[in-house]
Amino acid sequence: MDWANTSVAKRSKLNTSTIGKALQTEPTIVYQGYVWDPRNTDHAWIETTTGLFDMSCCDPNEIRNLFTAGDDAKNVAWVECHEQDARYVNAYASHKSIIDKAVIAMTNSGEGRS
């Protein structure tokens, strides 16, 4: 979610919605640290913290409409997490390995499908 470019009205509405309440809970940290990225150099690199939020209380259509590409992303898409989905297999930089960690975390917590 590109929070920095989200309008004040949309932020206010989000804060009182079911989605907003879910996002205010403490996420499960899936990964924290260095990520491979073609923009990395010997003197500058990208690190990230990825959190997994339980959104099971939310309307899936509202969630889909919430997320847009940020300032360094071309687009946002919902993908199936299996080897037959080319978007998943070819996810940018370290994204696939982070998605895999999220799927494992969901499966271990009983939230995901096995």
PDB file of N, CA and C in Angstrom:
ATOM      1  N   MET A   1       0.836  -1.171   0.000  1.00  0.00           N
ATOM      2  CA  MET A   1       0.000   0.000   0.000  1.00  0.00           C
ATOM      3  C   MET A   1       0.881   1.233   0.000  1.00  0.00           C
ATOM      4  N   ASP A   2       0.584   2.158  -0.839  1.00  0.00           N
ATOM      5  CA  ASP A   2       1.343   3.394  -0.935  1.00  0.00           C
ATOM      6  C   ASP A   2       0.728   4.418   0.022  1.00  0.00           C
ATOM      7  N   TRP A   3       1.020   4.262   1.313  1.00  0.00           N
ATOM      8  CA  TRP A   3       0.420   5.076   2.361  1.00  0.00           C
ATOM      9  C   TRP A   3       0.749   6.544   2.183  1.00  0.00           C
ATOM     10  N   ALA A   4       1.967   6.848   1.748  1.00  0.00           N
ATOM     11  CA  ALA A   4       2.390   8.241   1.608  1.00  0.00           C
ATOM     12  C   ALA A   4       1.533   9.004   0.602  1.00  0.00           C
ATOM     13  N   ASN A   5       1.030   8.314  -0.409  1.00  0.00           N
ATOM     14  CA  ASN A   5       0.227   8.975  -1.437  1.00  0.00           C
ATOM     15  C   ASN A   5      -1.270   8.691  -1.302  1.00  0.00           C
ATOM     16  N   THR A   6      -1.669   8.147  -0.172  1.00  0.00           N
ATOM     17  CA  THR A   6      -3.087   7.889   0.078  1.00  0.00           C
ATOM     18  C   THR A   6      -3.729   9.162   0.631  1.00  0.00           C
ATOM     19  N   SER A   7      -4.867   9.536   0.096  1.00  0.00           N
ATOM     20  CA  SER A   7      -5.518  10.773   0.521  1.00  0.00           C
ATOM     21  C   SER A   7      -5.914  10.718   1.988  1.00  0.00           C
ATOM     22  N   VAL A   8      -6.018  11.887   2.599  1.00  0.00           N
ATOM     23  CA  VAL A   8      -6.406  11.980   4.004  1.00  0.00           C
ATOM     24  C   VAL A   8      -7.785  11.370   4.216  1.00  0.00           C
ATOM     25  N   ALA A   9      -8.702  11.606   3.288  1.00  0.00           N
ATOM     26  CA  ALA A   9     -10.059  11.049   3.404  1.00  0.00           C
ATOM     27  C   ALA A   9     -10.021   9.529   3.374  1.00  0.00           C
ATOM     28  N   LYS A  10      -9.220   8.973   2.460  1.00  0.00           N
ATOM     29  CA  LYS A  10      -9.125   7.512   2.364  1.00  0.00           C
ATOM     30  C   LYS A  10      -8.453   6.942   3.608  1.00  0.00           C
ATOM     31  N   ARG A  11      -7.437   7.624   4.134  1.00  0.00           N
ATOM     32  CA  ARG A  11      -6.773   7.169   5.368  1.00  0.00           C
ATOM     33  C   ARG A  11      -7.758   7.156   6.531  1.00  0.00           C
ATOM     34  N   SER A  12      -8.547   8.215   6.648  1.00  0.00           N
ATOM     35  CA  SER A  12      -9.517   8.316   7.745  1.00  0.00           C
ATOM     36  C   SER A  12     -10.550   7.202   7.651  1.00  0.00           C
ATOM     37  N   LYS A  13     -11.066   6.965   6.445  1.00  0.00           N
ATOM     38  CA  LYS A  13     -12.038   5.886   6.234  1.00  0.00           C
ATOM     39  C   LYS A  13     -11.410   4.534   6.544  1.00  0.00           C
ATOM     40  N   LEU A  14     -10.163   4.351   6.118  1.00  0.00           N
ATOM     41  CA  LEU A  14      -9.466   3.091   6.340  1.00  0.00           C
ATOM     42  C   LEU A  14      -9.268   2.831   7.829  1.00  0.00           C
ATOM     43  N   ASN A  15      -8.917   3.860   8.588  1.00  0.00           N
ATOM     44  CA  ASN A  15      -8.652   3.687  10.019  1.00  0.00           C
ATOM     45  C   ASN A  15      -9.863   3.185  10.788  1.00  0.00           C
ATOM     46  N   THR A  16     -11.067   3.466  10.304  1.00  0.00           N
ATOM     47  CA  THR A  16     -12.271   3.026  11.001  1.00  0.00           C
ATOM     48  C   THR A  16     -12.870   1.760  10.400  1.00  0.00           C
ATOM     49  N   SER A  17     -12.305   1.274   9.317  1.00  0.00           N
ATOM     50  CA  SER A  17     -12.844   0.082   8.659  1.00  0.00           C
ATOM     51  C   SER A  17     -12.298  -1.190   9.305  1.00  0.00           C
ATOM     52  N   THR A  18     -12.882  -2.323   8.923  1.00  0.00           N
ATOM     53  CA  THR A  18     -12.395  -3.622   9.383  1.00  0.00           C
ATOM     54  C   THR A  18     -10.957  -3.832   8.939  1.00  0.00           C
ATOM     55  N   ILE A  19     -10.648  -3.415   7.709  1.00  0.00           N
ATOM     56  CA  ILE A  19      -9.284  -3.550   7.206  1.00  0.00           C
ATOM     57  C   ILE A  19      -8.331  -2.717   8.053  1.00  0.00           C
ATOM     58  N   GLY A  20      -8.712  -1.483   8.341  1.00  0.00           N
ATOM     59  CA  GLY A  20      -7.868  -0.616   9.162  1.00  0.00           C
ATOM     60  C   GLY A  20      -7.596  -1.210  10.522  1.00  0.00           C
ATOM     61  N   LYS A  21      -8.621  -1.792  11.117  1.00  0.00           N
ATOM     62  CA  LYS A  21      -8.445  -2.420  12.433  1.00  0.00           C
ATOM     63  C   LYS A  21      -7.509  -3.629  12.342  1.00  0.00           C
ATOM     64  N   ALA A  22      -7.639  -4.405  11.267  1.00  0.00           N
ATOM     65  CA  ALA A  22      -6.746  -5.559  11.086  1.00  0.00           C
ATOM     66  C   ALA A  22      -5.305  -5.099  10.903  1.00  0.00           C
ATOM     67  N   LEU A  23      -5.112  -3.999  10.177  1.00  0.00           N
ATOM     68  CA  LEU A  23      -3.761  -3.494   9.935  1.00  0.00           C
ATOM     69  C   LEU A  23      -3.141  -2.862  11.180  1.00  0.00           C
ATOM     70  N   GLN A  24      -3.957  -2.542  12.187  1.00  0.00           N
ATOM     71  CA  GLN A  24      -3.429  -1.965  13.418  1.00  0.00           C
ATOM     72  C   GLN A  24      -2.967  -3.032  14.404  1.00  0.00           C
ATOM     73  N   THR A  25      -3.199  -4.302  14.079  1.00  0.00           N
ATOM     74  CA  THR A  25      -2.725  -5.384  14.936  1.00  0.00           C
ATOM     75  C   THR A  25      -1.243  -5.624  14.670  1.00  0.00           C
ATOM     76  N   GLU A  26      -0.601  -6.331  15.564  1.00  0.00           N
ATOM     77  CA  GLU A  26       0.825  -6.635  15.412  1.00  0.00           C
ATOM     78  C   GLU A  26       1.008  -7.718  14.353  1.00  0.00           C
ATOM     79  N   PRO A  27       1.789  -7.441  13.294  1.00  0.00           N
ATOM     80  CA  PRO A  27       1.980  -8.457  12.259  1.00  0.00           C
ATOM     81  C   PRO A  27       2.960  -9.541  12.703  1.00  0.00           C
ATOM     82  N   THR A  28       2.888 -10.676  12.050  1.00  0.00           N
ATOM     83  CA  THR A  28       3.912 -11.706  12.185  1.00  0.00           C
ATOM     84  C   THR A  28       5.042 -11.302  11.247  1.00  0.00           C
ATOM     85  N   ILE A  29       6.235 -11.098  11.789  1.00  0.00           N
ATOM     86  CA  ILE A  29       7.362 -10.728  10.946  1.00  0.00           C
ATOM     87  C   ILE A  29       7.812 -11.966  10.174  1.00  0.00           C
ATOM     88  N   VAL A  30       7.711 -11.885   8.868  1.00  0.00           N
ATOM     89  CA  VAL A  30       8.039 -13.001   7.984  1.00  0.00           C
ATOM     90  C   VAL A  30       9.517 -12.970   7.624  1.00  0.00           C
ATOM     91  N   TYR A  31      10.037 -11.779   7.366  1.00  0.00           N
ATOM     92  CA  TYR A  31      11.441 -11.641   7.000  1.00  0.00           C
ATOM     93  C   TYR A  31      11.900 -10.235   7.353  1.00  0.00           C
ATOM     94  N   GLN A  32      13.143 -10.145   7.794  1.00  0.00           N
ATOM     95  CA  GLN A  32      13.745  -8.855   8.078  1.00  0.00           C
ATOM     96  C   GLN A  32      15.216  -8.929   7.700  1.00  0.00           C
ATOM     97  N   GLY A  33      15.665  -8.039   6.835  1.00  0.00           N
ATOM     98  CA  GLY A  33      17.065  -8.016   6.461  1.00  0.00           C
ATOM     99  C   GLY A  33      17.297  -7.682   5.007  1.00  0.00           C
ATOM    100  N   TYR A  34      18.471  -8.062   4.528  1.00  0.00           N
ATOM    101  CA  TYR A  34      18.915  -7.807   3.159  1.00  0.00           C
ATOM    102  C   TYR A  34      18.045  -8.556   2.164  1.00  0.00           C
ATOM    103  N   VAL A  35      17.760  -7.910   1.039  1.00  0.00           N
ATOM    104  CA  VAL A  35      17.080  -8.577  -0.069  1.00  0.00           C
ATOM    105  C   VAL A  35      17.874  -8.360  -1.348  1.00  0.00           C
ATOM    106  N   TRP A  36      17.935  -9.397  -2.156  1.00  0.00           N
ATOM    107  CA  TRP A  36      18.595  -9.251  -3.442  1.00  0.00           C
ATOM    108  C   TRP A  36      17.757  -8.341  -4.308  1.00  0.00           C
ATOM    109  N   ASP A  37      18.409  -7.429  -4.985  1.00  0.00           N
ATOM    110  CA  ASP A  37      17.746  -6.507  -5.884  1.00  0.00           C
ATOM    111  C   ASP A  37      18.780  -6.041  -6.898  1.00  0.00           C
ATOM    112  N   PRO A  38      18.424  -5.957  -8.168  1.00  0.00           N
ATOM    113  CA  PRO A  38      19.415  -5.543  -9.165  1.00  0.00           C
ATOM    114  C   PRO A  38      19.936  -4.123  -8.948  1.00  0.00           C
ATOM    115  N   ARG A  39      19.257  -3.321  -8.140  1.00  0.00           N
ATOM    116  CA  ARG A  39      19.718  -1.958  -7.862  1.00  0.00           C
ATOM    117  C   ARG A  39      20.782  -1.923  -6.773  1.00  0.00           C
ATOM    118  N   ASN A  40      20.988  -3.041  -6.056  1.00  0.00           N
ATOM    119  CA  ASN A  40      21.995  -3.082  -4.994  1.00  0.00           C
ATOM    120  C   ASN A  40      23.391  -2.850  -5.572  1.00  0.00           C
ATOM    121  N   THR A  41      24.240  -2.208  -4.784  1.00  0.00           N
ATOM    122  CA  THR A  41      25.649  -2.016  -5.158  1.00  0.00           C
ATOM    123  C   THR A  41      26.508  -2.421  -3.964  1.00  0.00           C
ATOM    124  N   ASP A  42      27.822  -2.303  -4.112  1.00  0.00           N
ATOM    125  CA  ASP A  42      28.730  -2.601  -3.001  1.00  0.00           C
ATOM    126  C   ASP A  42      28.563  -1.615  -1.851  1.00  0.00           C
ATOM    127  N   HIS A  43      28.031  -0.433  -2.150  1.00  0.00           N
ATOM    128  CA  HIS A  43      27.948   0.628  -1.147  1.00  0.00           C
ATOM    129  C   HIS A  43      26.517   0.986  -0.747  1.00  0.00           C
ATOM    130  N   ALA A  44      25.551   0.422  -1.415  1.00  0.00           N
ATOM    131  CA  ALA A  44      24.150   0.702  -1.093  1.00  0.00           C
ATOM    132  C   ALA A  44      23.310  -0.513  -1.468  1.00  0.00           C
ATOM    133  N   TRP A  45      22.422  -0.915  -0.580  1.00  0.00           N
ATOM    134  CA  TRP A  45      21.600  -2.090  -0.828  1.00  0.00           C
ATOM    135  C   TRP A  45      20.260  -1.916  -0.135  1.00  0.00           C
ATOM    136  N   ILE A  46      19.355  -2.793  -0.473  1.00  0.00           N
ATOM    137  CA  ILE A  46      18.002  -2.711   0.057  1.00  0.00           C
ATOM    138  C   ILE A  46      17.825  -3.728   1.169  1.00  0.00           C
ATOM    139  N   GLU A  47      17.241  -3.257   2.259  1.00  0.00           N
ATOM    140  CA  GLU A  47      16.814  -4.123   3.352  1.00  0.00           C
ATOM    141  C   GLU A  47      15.334  -3.901   3.549  1.00  0.00           C
ATOM    142  N   THR A  48      14.646  -4.904   4.066  1.00  0.00           N
ATOM    143  CA  THR A  48      13.204  -4.789   4.226  1.00  0.00           C
ATOM    144  C   THR A  48      12.745  -5.501   5.487  1.00  0.00           C
ATOM    145  N   THR A  49      11.592  -5.124   5.948  1.00  0.00           N
ATOM    146  CA  THR A  49      10.875  -5.869   6.976  1.00  0.00           C
ATOM    147  C   THR A  49       9.512  -6.197   6.382  1.00  0.00           C
ATOM    148  N   THR A  50       9.173  -7.473   6.361  1.00  0.00           N
ATOM    149  CA  THR A  50       7.916  -7.921   5.782  1.00  0.00           C
ATOM    150  C   THR A  50       7.040  -8.482   6.886  1.00  0.00           C
ATOM    151  N   GLY A  51       5.832  -7.923   7.001  1.00  0.00           N
ATOM    152  CA  GLY A  51       4.904  -8.368   8.030  1.00  0.00           C
ATOM    153  C   GLY A  51       3.689  -9.045   7.417  1.00  0.00           C
ATOM    154  N   LEU A  52       3.207 -10.061   8.102  1.00  0.00           N
ATOM    155  CA  LEU A  52       2.020 -10.802   7.671  1.00  0.00           C
ATOM    156  C   LEU A  52       0.874 -10.445   8.603  1.00  0.00           C
ATOM    157  N   PHE A  53      -0.176  -9.864   8.044  1.00  0.00           N
ATOM    158  CA  PHE A  53      -1.353  -9.477   8.822  1.00  0.00           C
ATOM    159  C   PHE A  53      -2.477 -10.484   8.581  1.00  0.00           C
ATOM    160  N   ASP A  54      -3.231 -10.808   9.622  1.00  0.00           N
ATOM    161  CA  ASP A  54      -4.399 -11.679   9.484  1.00  0.00           C
ATOM    162  C   ASP A  54      -5.554 -10.829   8.972  1.00  0.00           C
ATOM    163  N   MET A  55      -5.924 -11.032   7.727  1.00  0.00           N
ATOM    164  CA  MET A  55      -6.988 -10.249   7.094  1.00  0.00           C
ATOM    165  C   MET A  55      -8.250 -11.091   6.899  1.00  0.00           C
ATOM    166  N   SER A  56      -8.347 -12.215   7.604  1.00  0.00           N
ATOM    167  CA  SER A  56      -9.481 -13.122   7.398  1.00  0.00           C
ATOM    168  C   SER A  56     -10.821 -12.492   7.771  1.00  0.00           C
ATOM    169  N   CYS A  57     -10.800 -11.434   8.568  1.00  0.00           N
ATOM    170  CA  CYS A  57     -12.043 -10.772   8.966  1.00  0.00           C
ATOM    171  C   CYS A  57     -12.519  -9.765   7.916  1.00  0.00           C
ATOM    172  N   CYS A  58     -11.745  -9.583   6.874  1.00  0.00           N
ATOM    173  CA  CYS A  58     -12.019  -8.527   5.901  1.00  0.00           C
ATOM    174  C   CYS A  58     -12.629  -9.064   4.614  1.00  0.00           C
ATOM    175  N   ASP A  59     -13.349  -8.190   3.935  1.00  0.00           N
ATOM    176  CA  ASP A  59     -13.933  -8.506   2.637  1.00  0.00           C
ATOM    177  C   ASP A  59     -12.798  -8.545   1.599  1.00  0.00           C
ATOM    178  N   PRO A  60     -12.614  -9.691   0.924  1.00  0.00           N
ATOM    179  CA  PRO A  60     -11.525  -9.799  -0.065  1.00  0.00           C
ATOM    180  C   PRO A  60     -11.566  -8.720  -1.145  1.00  0.00           C
ATOM    181  N   ASN A  61     -12.756  -8.298  -1.549  1.00  0.00           N
ATOM    182  CA  ASN A  61     -12.864  -7.266  -2.585  1.00  0.00           C
ATOM    183  C   ASN A  61     -12.357  -5.917  -2.079  1.00  0.00           C
ATOM    184  N   GLU A  62     -12.607  -5.609  -0.818  1.00  0.00           N
ATOM    185  CA  GLU A  62     -12.072  -4.370  -0.245  1.00  0.00           C
ATOM    186  C   GLU A  62     -10.552  -4.412  -0.204  1.00  0.00           C
ATOM    187  N   ILE A  63     -10.007  -5.565   0.145  1.00  0.00           N
ATOM    188  CA  ILE A  63      -8.549  -5.704   0.211  1.00  0.00           C
ATOM    189  C   ILE A  63      -7.954  -5.519  -1.184  1.00  0.00           C
ATOM    190  N   ARG A  64      -8.537  -6.134  -2.192  1.00  0.00           N
ATOM    191  CA  ARG A  64      -8.027  -6.018  -3.561  1.00  0.00           C
ATOM    192  C   ARG A  64      -7.998  -4.562  -4.024  1.00  0.00           C
ATOM    193  N   ASN A  65      -9.010  -3.792  -3.653  1.00  0.00           N
ATOM    194  CA  ASN A  65      -9.105  -2.399  -4.093  1.00  0.00           C
ATOM    195  C   ASN A  65      -8.189  -1.471  -3.304  1.00  0.00           C
ATOM    196  N   LEU A  66      -7.656  -1.940  -2.210  1.00  0.00           N
ATOM    197  CA  LEU A  66      -6.854  -1.105  -1.325  1.00  0.00           C
ATOM    198  C   LEU A  66      -5.435  -0.899  -1.820  1.00  0.00           C
ATOM    199  N   PHE A  67      -4.857  -1.913  -2.411  1.00  0.00           N
ATOM    200  CA  PHE A  67      -3.436  -1.883  -2.730  1.00  0.00           C
ATOM    201  C   PHE A  67      -3.175  -1.394  -4.144  1.00  0.00           C
ATOM    202  N   THR A  68      -2.206  -0.477  -4.241  1.00  0.00           N
ATOM    203  CA  THR A  68      -1.757   0.061  -5.516  1.00  0.00           C
ATOM    204  C   THR A  68      -0.230   0.079  -5.512  1.00  0.00           C
ATOM    205  N   ALA A  69       0.333   0.223  -6.676  1.00  0.00           N
ATOM    206  CA  ALA A  69       1.794   0.281  -6.772  1.00  0.00           C
ATOM    207  C   ALA A  69       2.313   1.542  -6.107  1.00  0.00           C
ATOM    208  N   GLY A  70       3.461   1.419  -5.453  1.00  0.00           N
ATOM    209  CA  GLY A  70       4.097   2.563  -4.820  1.00  0.00           C
ATOM    210  C   GLY A  70       5.004   3.290  -5.789  1.00  0.00           C
ATOM    211  N   ASP A  71       5.878   4.128  -5.263  1.00  0.00           N
ATOM    212  CA  ASP A  71       6.716   4.958  -6.109  1.00  0.00           C
ATOM    213  C   ASP A  71       7.772   4.173  -6.886  1.00  0.00           C
ATOM    214  N   ASP A  72       8.113   2.968  -6.452  1.00  0.00           N
ATOM    215  CA  ASP A  72       9.128   2.195  -7.164  1.00  0.00           C
ATOM    216  C   ASP A  72       8.573   0.914  -7.779  1.00  0.00           C
ATOM    217  N   ALA A  73       7.263   0.809  -7.863  1.00  0.00           N
ATOM    218  CA  ALA A  73       6.646  -0.404  -8.396  1.00  0.00           C
ATOM    219  C   ALA A  73       5.861  -0.076  -9.661  1.00  0.00           C
ATOM    220  N   LYS A  74       5.854  -1.017 -10.596  1.00  0.00           N
ATOM    221  CA  LYS A  74       5.096  -0.831 -11.827  1.00  0.00           C
ATOM    222  C   LYS A  74       3.621  -1.148 -11.626  1.00  0.00           C
ATOM    223  N   ASN A  75       3.348  -2.217 -10.853  1.00  0.00           N
ATOM    224  CA  ASN A  75       1.959  -2.621 -10.667  1.00  0.00           C
ATOM    225  C   ASN A  75       1.840  -3.546  -9.465  1.00  0.00           C
ATOM    226  N   VAL A  76       0.617  -3.806  -9.096  1.00  0.00           N
ATOM    227  CA  VAL A  76       0.297  -4.723  -8.011  1.00  0.00           C
ATOM    228  C   VAL A  76      -0.660  -5.759  -8.584  1.00  0.00           C
ATOM    229  N   ALA A  77      -0.461  -7.014  -8.226  1.00  0.00           N
ATOM    230  CA  ALA A  77      -1.341  -8.061  -8.738  1.00  0.00           C
ATOM    231  C   ALA A  77      -1.517  -9.139  -7.680  1.00  0.00           C
ATOM    232  N   TRP A  78      -2.670  -9.756  -7.687  1.00  0.00           N
ATOM    233  CA  TRP A  78      -2.914 -10.920  -6.846  1.00  0.00           C
ATOM    234  C   TRP A  78      -2.530 -12.132  -7.678  1.00  0.00           C
ATOM    235  N   VAL A  79      -1.706 -12.989  -7.134  1.00  0.00           N
ATOM    236  CA  VAL A  79      -1.247 -14.157  -7.874  1.00  0.00           C
ATOM    237  C   VAL A  79      -1.470 -15.420  -7.052  1.00  0.00           C
ATOM    238  N   GLU A  80      -1.604 -16.537  -7.767  1.00  0.00           N
ATOM    239  CA  GLU A  80      -1.672 -17.839  -7.120  1.00  0.00           C
ATOM    240  C   GLU A  80      -0.257 -18.256  -6.748  1.00  0.00           C
ATOM    241  N   CYS A  81      -0.072 -18.767  -5.564  1.00  0.00           N
ATOM    242  CA  CYS A  81       1.268 -19.171  -5.101  1.00  0.00           C
ATOM    243  C   CYS A  81       1.527 -20.626  -5.450  1.00  0.00           C
ATOM    244  N   HIS A  82       1.737 -20.867  -6.736  1.00  0.00           N
ATOM    245  CA  HIS A  82       2.110 -22.202  -7.198  1.00  0.00           C
ATOM    246  C   HIS A  82       2.968 -22.056  -8.445  1.00  0.00           C
ATOM    247  N   GLU A  83       3.707 -23.106  -8.740  1.00  0.00           N
ATOM    248  CA  GLU A  83       4.705 -23.066  -9.803  1.00  0.00           C
ATOM    249  C   GLU A  83       4.118 -22.917 -11.204  1.00  0.00           C
ATOM    250  N   GLN A  84       2.806 -23.055 -11.364  1.00  0.00           N
ATOM    251  CA  GLN A  84       2.201 -22.895 -12.678  1.00  0.00           C
ATOM    252  C   GLN A  84       1.870 -21.431 -12.985  1.00  0.00           C
ATOM    253  N   ASP A  85       1.943 -20.564 -11.980  1.00  0.00           N
ATOM    254  CA  ASP A  85       1.655 -19.143 -12.190  1.00  0.00           C
ATOM    255  C   ASP A  85       2.969 -18.422 -12.483  1.00  0.00           C
ATOM    256  N   ALA A  86       3.139 -17.999 -13.729  1.00  0.00           N
ATOM    257  CA  ALA A  86       4.395 -17.370 -14.148  1.00  0.00           C
ATOM    258  C   ALA A  86       4.685 -16.095 -13.362  1.00  0.00           C
ATOM    259  N   ARG A  87       3.641 -15.365 -12.963  1.00  0.00           N
ATOM    260  CA  ARG A  87       3.873 -14.133 -12.192  1.00  0.00           C
ATOM    261  C   ARG A  87       4.481 -14.451 -10.842  1.00  0.00           C
ATOM    262  N   TYR A  88       4.089 -15.559 -10.252  1.00  0.00           N
ATOM    263  CA  TYR A  88       4.658 -15.988  -8.971  1.00  0.00           C
ATOM    264  C   TYR A  88       6.082 -16.487  -9.168  1.00  0.00           C
ATOM    265  N   VAL A  89       6.282 -17.356 -10.133  1.00  0.00           N
ATOM    266  CA  VAL A  89       7.597 -17.937 -10.391  1.00  0.00           C
ATOM    267  C   VAL A  89       8.620 -16.852 -10.732  1.00  0.00           C
ATOM    268  N   ASN A  90       8.197 -15.852 -11.498  1.00  0.00           N
ATOM    269  CA  ASN A  90       9.102 -14.799 -11.964  1.00  0.00           C
ATOM    270  C   ASN A  90       8.969 -13.498 -11.184  1.00  0.00           C
ATOM    271  N   ALA A  91       8.521 -13.565  -9.957  1.00  0.00           N
ATOM    272  CA  ALA A  91       8.363 -12.351  -9.150  1.00  0.00           C
ATOM    273  C   ALA A  91       9.681 -11.596  -9.060  1.00  0.00           C
ATOM    274  N   TYR A  92       9.578 -10.293  -8.972  1.00  0.00           N
ATOM    275  CA  TYR A  92      10.745  -9.413  -9.000  1.00  0.00           C
ATOM    276  C   TYR A  92      11.689  -9.659  -7.821  1.00  0.00           C
ATOM    277  N   ALA A  93      12.962  -9.678  -8.122  1.00  0.00           N
ATOM    278  CA  ALA A  93      14.041  -9.735  -7.119  1.00  0.00           C
ATOM    279  C   ALA A  93      13.771 -10.815  -6.072  1.00  0.00           C
ATOM    280  N   SER A  94      13.733 -10.449  -4.797  1.00  0.00           N
ATOM    281  CA  SER A  94      13.557 -11.412  -3.701  1.00  0.00           C
ATOM    282  C   SER A  94      12.092 -11.662  -3.340  1.00  0.00           C
ATOM    283  N   HIS A  95      11.160 -11.118  -4.112  1.00  0.00           N
ATOM    284  CA  HIS A  95       9.751 -11.210  -3.730  1.00  0.00           C
ATOM    285  C   HIS A  95       9.261 -12.646  -3.581  1.00  0.00           C
ATOM    286  N   LYS A  96       9.652 -13.538  -4.488  1.00  0.00           N
ATOM    287  CA  LYS A  96       9.170 -14.922  -4.408  1.00  0.00           C
ATOM    288  C   LYS A  96       9.609 -15.589  -3.113  1.00  0.00           C
ATOM    289  N   SER A  97      10.851 -15.421  -2.723  1.00  0.00           N
ATOM    290  CA  SER A  97      11.315 -16.066  -1.488  1.00  0.00           C
ATOM    291  C   SER A  97      10.596 -15.493  -0.268  1.00  0.00           C
ATOM    292  N   ILE A  98      10.251 -14.222  -0.303  1.00  0.00           N
ATOM    293  CA  ILE A  98       9.501 -13.626   0.818  1.00  0.00           C
ATOM    294  C   ILE A  98       8.069 -14.142   0.823  1.00  0.00           C
ATOM    295  N   ILE A  99       7.456 -14.261  -0.357  1.00  0.00           N
ATOM    296  CA  ILE A  99       6.106 -14.826  -0.445  1.00  0.00           C
ATOM    297  C   ILE A  99       6.113 -16.256   0.091  1.00  0.00           C
ATOM    298  N   ASP A 100       7.134 -17.027  -0.279  1.00  0.00           N
ATOM    299  CA  ASP A 100       7.235 -18.405   0.209  1.00  0.00           C
ATOM    300  C   ASP A 100       7.298 -18.443   1.735  1.00  0.00           C
ATOM    301  N   LYS A 101       8.033 -17.520   2.339  1.00  0.00           N
ATOM    302  CA  LYS A 101       8.118 -17.458   3.810  1.00  0.00           C
ATOM    303  C   LYS A 101       6.749 -17.121   4.412  1.00  0.00           C
ATOM    304  N   ALA A 102       5.998 -16.243   3.757  1.00  0.00           N
ATOM    305  CA  ALA A 102       4.658 -15.895   4.242  1.00  0.00           C
ATOM    306  C   ALA A 102       3.713 -17.091   4.151  1.00  0.00           C
ATOM    307  N   VAL A 103       3.794 -17.830   3.053  1.00  0.00           N
ATOM    308  CA  VAL A 103       2.950 -19.024   2.893  1.00  0.00           C
ATOM    309  C   VAL A 103       3.274 -20.042   3.976  1.00  0.00           C
ATOM    310  N   ILE A 104       4.548 -20.245   4.263  1.00  0.00           N
ATOM    311  CA  ILE A 104       4.950 -21.176   5.327  1.00  0.00           C
ATOM    312  C   ILE A 104       4.419 -20.697   6.676  1.00  0.00           C
ATOM    313  N   ALA A 105       4.538 -19.398   6.944  1.00  0.00           N
ATOM    314  CA  ALA A 105       4.040 -18.854   8.218  1.00  0.00           C
ATOM    315  C   ALA A 105       2.528 -19.047   8.335  1.00  0.00           C
ATOM    316  N   MET A 106       1.796 -18.820   7.246  1.00  0.00           N
ATOM    317  CA  MET A 106       0.348 -19.012   7.264  1.00  0.00           C
ATOM    318  C   MET A 106      -0.006 -20.473   7.470  1.00  0.00           C
ATOM    319  N   THR A 107       0.701 -21.359   6.795  1.00  0.00           N
ATOM    320  CA  THR A 107       0.436 -22.789   6.907  1.00  0.00           C
ATOM    321  C   THR A 107       0.727 -23.269   8.337  1.00  0.00           C
ATOM    322  N   ASN A 108       1.833 -22.798   8.918  1.00  0.00           N
ATOM    323  CA  ASN A 108       2.184 -23.200  10.281  1.00  0.00           C
ATOM    324  C   ASN A 108       1.198 -22.676  11.314  1.00  0.00           C
ATOM    325  N   SER A 109       0.553 -21.532  11.021  1.00  0.00           N
ATOM    326  CA  SER A 109      -0.397 -20.975  11.974  1.00  0.00           C
ATOM    327  C   SER A 109      -1.806 -21.519  11.761  1.00  0.00           C
ATOM    328  N   GLY A 110      -1.993 -22.299  10.689  1.00  0.00           N
ATOM    329  CA  GLY A 110      -3.310 -22.868  10.410  1.00  0.00           C
ATOM    330  C   GLY A 110      -4.175 -21.965   9.541  1.00  0.00           C
ATOM    331  N   GLU A 111      -3.632 -20.809   9.106  1.00  0.00           N
ATOM    332  CA  GLU A 111      -4.418 -19.876   8.300  1.00  0.00           C
ATOM    333  C   GLU A 111      -4.419 -20.242   6.826  1.00  0.00           C
ATOM    334  N   GLY A 112      -3.314 -20.802   6.351  1.00  0.00           N
ATOM    335  CA  GLY A 112      -3.175 -21.072   4.924  1.00  0.00           C
ATOM    336  C   GLY A 112      -3.670 -22.438   4.540  1.00  0.00           C
ATOM    337  N   ARG A 113      -3.795 -22.621   3.246  1.00  0.00           N
ATOM    338  CA  ARG A 113      -4.148 -23.943   2.727  1.00  0.00           C
ATOM    339  C   ARG A 113      -2.891 -24.750   2.584  1.00  0.00           C
ATOM    340  N   SER A 114      -2.953 -26.017   2.877  1.00  0.00           N
ATOM    341  CA  SER A 114      -1.767 -26.860   2.716  1.00  0.00           C
ATOM    342  C   SER A 114      -1.774 -27.560   1.385  1.00  0.00           C
TER     343      SER A 114
END
